[in-house]
């Protein structure tokens, strides 16, 4: 029974990511809101926090963000078999399509209608990526600190700082800030305990 349940879930994971890989245009970032819709909102395989953790980890390691997210999501849900089927599902469509394009596109790239089509596709892809940024940013940019970090990271990326440098810098900054907040909270709790003791002694 357990083996059958595993197979059914893995098959569903494979079909889900196969569909996402086949019908999502605009690259990995454009795929993320659709992954969130299917994984978090539709199937409830992950909650909001787990999906954001998956996204953070996927962006912090080498590789395409959509593939990394698919692997992490599959592993989180069904371990190694889940990671494997999600990986297969998300790469098969793009591998097949790009192979066909590589085989035949060079013959048609000088055709006027093809060039005109790509003049519309390119800005459309930018729009899809921008929409993905908004969708992913809504649950994250809810605090002043998060907004400041976002703006600083955006500025550093625009001036040309390597993405790994941005990720490492703000990871260290977040660690320091959280450590400082924790110490401040502990100090405040100690002060409250001390005040309560003094009040009890006075009574």
Protein backbone atom coordinates (compact mmCIF):
# COMPACT_ATOMS: atom_id res chain seq x y z
CA UNK A 1 0.00 0.00 0.00
CA UNK A 2 2.81 2.36 0.94
CA UNK A 3 4.67 1.51 -2.28
CA UNK A 4 1.56 2.18 -4.36
CA UNK A 5 1.01 5.53 -2.61
CA UNK A 6 4.63 6.47 -3.31
CA UNK A 7 4.26 5.53 -6.98
CA UNK A 8 1.01 7.51 -7.32
CA UNK A 9 2.50 10.61 -5.70
CA UNK A 10 5.67 10.36 -7.80
CA UNK A 11 3.59 9.99 -10.96
CA UNK A 12 1.55 13.04 -9.99
CA UNK A 13 4.74 15.00 -9.30
CA UNK A 14 6.14 13.96 -12.68
CA UNK A 15 2.97 14.98 -14.55
CA UNK A 16 2.77 18.28 -12.67
CA UNK A 17 6.34 19.31 -13.49
CA UNK A 18 6.08 17.92 -17.03
CA UNK A 19 3.10 20.22 -17.60
CA UNK A 20 4.89 23.17 -16.01
CA UNK A 21 7.97 22.56 -18.11
CA UNK A 22 5.95 22.25 -21.32
CA UNK A 23 3.66 25.26 -20.97
CA UNK A 24 5.73 27.82 -19.08
CA UNK A 25 7.50 30.39 -21.24
CA UNK A 26 9.94 33.02 -20.08
CA UNK A 27 12.50 30.98 -18.22
CA UNK A 28 12.77 29.68 -14.67
CA UNK A 29 11.59 32.81 -12.88
CA UNK A 30 8.42 32.95 -14.97
CA UNK A 31 7.76 29.33 -13.93
CA UNK A 32 7.94 29.99 -10.18
CA UNK A 33 4.44 31.47 -9.66
CA UNK A 34 2.98 28.48 -11.51
CA UNK A 35 4.99 26.06 -9.37
CA UNK A 36 3.70 27.87 -6.31
CA UNK A 37 0.11 27.67 -7.55
CA UNK A 38 0.30 23.91 -8.16
CA UNK A 39 2.47 22.87 -5.22
CA UNK A 40 1.23 25.22 -2.51
CA UNK A 41 -2.28 26.35 -3.43
CA UNK A 42 -3.64 23.42 -5.44
CA UNK A 43 -2.01 20.27 -4.05
CA UNK A 44 -0.95 21.57 -0.60
CA UNK A 45 2.27 19.58 -0.82
CA UNK A 46 4.19 22.51 0.71
CA UNK A 47 3.06 25.52 2.72
CA UNK A 48 4.02 29.13 1.96
CA UNK A 49 7.06 29.09 4.24
CA UNK A 50 8.40 25.81 2.87
CA UNK A 51 8.06 27.07 -0.70
CA UNK A 52 9.96 30.27 0.15
CA UNK A 53 12.67 28.14 1.79
CA UNK A 54 12.87 26.06 -1.40
CA UNK A 55 13.14 29.22 -3.49
CA UNK A 56 15.84 30.71 -1.25
CA UNK A 57 17.96 27.55 -1.36
CA UNK A 58 17.44 27.16 -5.12
CA UNK A 59 18.71 30.69 -5.73
CA UNK A 60 21.70 30.23 -3.45
CA UNK A 61 23.27 27.30 -5.32
CA UNK A 62 24.51 26.94 -8.92
CA UNK A 63 22.06 25.88 -11.60
CA UNK A 64 18.76 26.97 -13.10
CA UNK A 65 16.38 28.17 -10.40
CA UNK A 66 13.36 26.27 -11.78
CA UNK A 67 15.30 22.98 -11.92
CA UNK A 68 16.73 23.50 -8.43
CA UNK A 69 13.27 24.32 -7.10
CA UNK A 70 11.81 21.22 -8.75
CA UNK A 71 14.51 18.97 -7.25
CA UNK A 72 14.14 20.47 -3.77
CA UNK A 73 10.34 20.30 -3.91
CA UNK A 74 10.37 16.67 -5.06
CA UNK A 75 12.83 15.68 -2.34
CA UNK A 76 10.84 17.52 0.32
CA UNK A 77 7.66 15.68 -0.69
CA UNK A 78 8.90 12.16 -1.54
CA UNK A 79 12.64 12.00 -0.95
CA UNK A 80 15.08 10.90 -3.66
CA UNK A 81 12.41 9.33 -5.96
CA UNK A 82 10.41 12.58 -5.81
CA UNK A 83 13.47 14.69 -6.63
CA UNK A 84 14.31 12.44 -9.58
CA UNK A 85 10.83 12.48 -11.15
CA UNK A 86 10.48 16.25 -10.68
CA UNK A 87 13.84 16.76 -12.37
CA UNK A 88 12.84 14.55 -15.29
CA UNK A 89 9.45 16.21 -15.60
CA UNK A 90 10.78 19.75 -15.70
CA UNK A 91 13.68 19.16 -18.14
CA UNK A 92 12.13 16.78 -20.71
CA UNK A 93 9.93 19.43 -22.41
CA UNK A 94 12.64 22.09 -22.63
CA UNK A 95 15.26 19.56 -23.74
CA UNK A 96 12.99 18.29 -26.51
CA UNK A 97 11.88 21.73 -27.68
CA UNK A 98 15.39 23.23 -27.64
CA UNK A 99 16.72 20.21 -29.54
CA UNK A 100 14.09 20.69 -32.23
CA UNK A 101 14.77 24.43 -32.40
CA UNK A 102 18.51 23.83 -32.69
CA UNK A 103 17.86 21.41 -35.52
CA UNK A 104 15.46 23.58 -37.51
CA UNK A 105 15.60 27.19 -36.31
CA UNK A 106 18.80 28.06 -38.15
CA UNK A 107 16.96 27.36 -41.41
CA UNK A 108 14.18 29.81 -40.59
CA UNK A 109 15.81 32.53 -38.48
CA UNK A 110 16.27 34.80 -41.51
CA UNK A 111 12.60 34.51 -42.46
CA UNK A 112 10.86 37.85 -41.86
CA UNK A 113 7.86 36.44 -40.03
CA UNK A 114 10.12 34.61 -37.56
CA UNK A 115 12.06 37.78 -36.76
CA UNK A 116 8.82 39.72 -36.28
CA UNK A 117 7.48 37.02 -33.97
CA UNK A 118 10.59 37.20 -31.79
CA UNK A 119 10.30 40.99 -31.61
CA UNK A 120 7.04 40.37 -29.75
CA UNK A 121 8.19 37.37 -27.76
CA UNK A 122 11.22 39.08 -26.18
CA UNK A 123 9.35 41.92 -24.39
CA UNK A 124 6.61 39.44 -23.53
CA UNK A 125 9.15 37.30 -21.71
CA UNK A 126 10.35 40.35 -19.77
CA UNK A 127 6.75 40.96 -18.72
CA UNK A 128 6.39 37.38 -17.50
CA UNK A 129 9.55 37.65 -15.41
CA UNK A 130 8.39 40.97 -13.94
CA UNK A 131 5.06 39.39 -13.01
CA UNK A 132 6.96 36.54 -11.32
CA UNK A 133 8.97 39.05 -9.27
CA UNK A 134 5.77 40.69 -8.04
CA UNK A 135 4.10 37.38 -7.22
CA UNK A 136 7.10 36.06 -5.27
CA UNK A 137 7.85 39.38 -3.60
CA UNK A 138 4.41 39.95 -2.08
CA UNK A 139 4.74 37.51 0.84
CA UNK A 140 8.39 38.44 1.45
CA UNK A 141 8.40 42.25 1.31
CA UNK A 142 6.07 42.75 4.27
CA UNK A 143 8.52 44.37 6.68
CA UNK A 144 10.61 47.51 6.48
CA UNK A 145 13.82 45.51 6.94
CA UNK A 146 12.94 43.21 4.02
CA UNK A 147 12.20 46.16 1.74
CA UNK A 148 15.51 47.84 2.61
CA UNK A 149 17.43 44.62 1.89
CA UNK A 150 15.53 44.21 -1.40
CA UNK A 151 16.38 47.75 -2.55
CA UNK A 152 20.03 47.40 -1.52
CA UNK A 153 20.35 44.05 -3.30
CA UNK A 154 18.70 45.48 -6.40
CA UNK A 155 21.14 48.42 -6.41
CA UNK A 156 24.18 46.16 -5.99
CA UNK A 157 22.99 43.89 -8.79
CA UNK A 158 22.39 46.86 -11.11
CA UNK A 159 25.91 48.23 -10.58
CA UNK A 160 27.34 44.83 -11.47
CA UNK A 161 28.10 43.00 -8.22
CA UNK A 162 28.13 39.25 -8.80
CA UNK A 163 24.91 37.52 -7.61
CA UNK A 164 26.91 35.20 -5.33
CA UNK A 165 28.42 38.25 -3.65
CA UNK A 166 24.94 39.73 -3.11
CA UNK A 167 23.59 36.48 -1.65
CA UNK A 168 26.57 35.97 0.68
CA UNK A 169 26.60 39.61 1.82
CA UNK A 170 22.95 39.70 2.77
CA UNK A 171 23.05 36.22 4.27
CA UNK A 172 25.81 37.39 6.64
CA UNK A 173 23.94 40.66 7.30
CA UNK A 174 20.73 38.79 8.16
CA UNK A 175 22.66 36.48 10.51
CA UNK A 176 24.20 39.45 12.34
CA UNK A 177 20.89 41.32 12.59
CA UNK A 178 19.00 38.26 13.85
CA UNK A 179 21.72 37.53 16.37
CA UNK A 180 21.54 41.13 17.62
CA UNK A 181 17.75 40.98 17.87
CA UNK A 182 17.93 37.71 19.79
CA UNK A 183 20.44 39.16 22.28
CA UNK A 184 18.30 42.27 22.71
CA UNK A 185 15.23 40.11 23.37
CA UNK A 186 17.11 37.99 25.92
CA UNK A 187 18.39 41.11 27.69
CA UNK A 188 14.87 42.52 27.84
CA UNK A 189 13.53 39.26 29.26
CA UNK A 190 16.28 39.28 31.92
CA UNK A 191 15.35 42.86 32.82
CA UNK A 192 11.67 41.92 33.11
CA UNK A 193 12.54 38.98 35.37
CA UNK A 194 14.72 41.23 37.52
CA UNK A 195 11.96 43.82 37.83
CA UNK A 196 9.45 41.14 38.83
CA UNK A 197 11.81 39.88 41.54
CA UNK A 198 12.32 43.41 42.88
CA UNK A 199 8.55 43.94 43.01
CA UNK A 200 8.07 40.67 44.86
CA UNK A 201 10.80 41.62 47.35
CA UNK A 202 9.14 45.00 47.93
CA UNK A 203 5.82 43.30 48.60
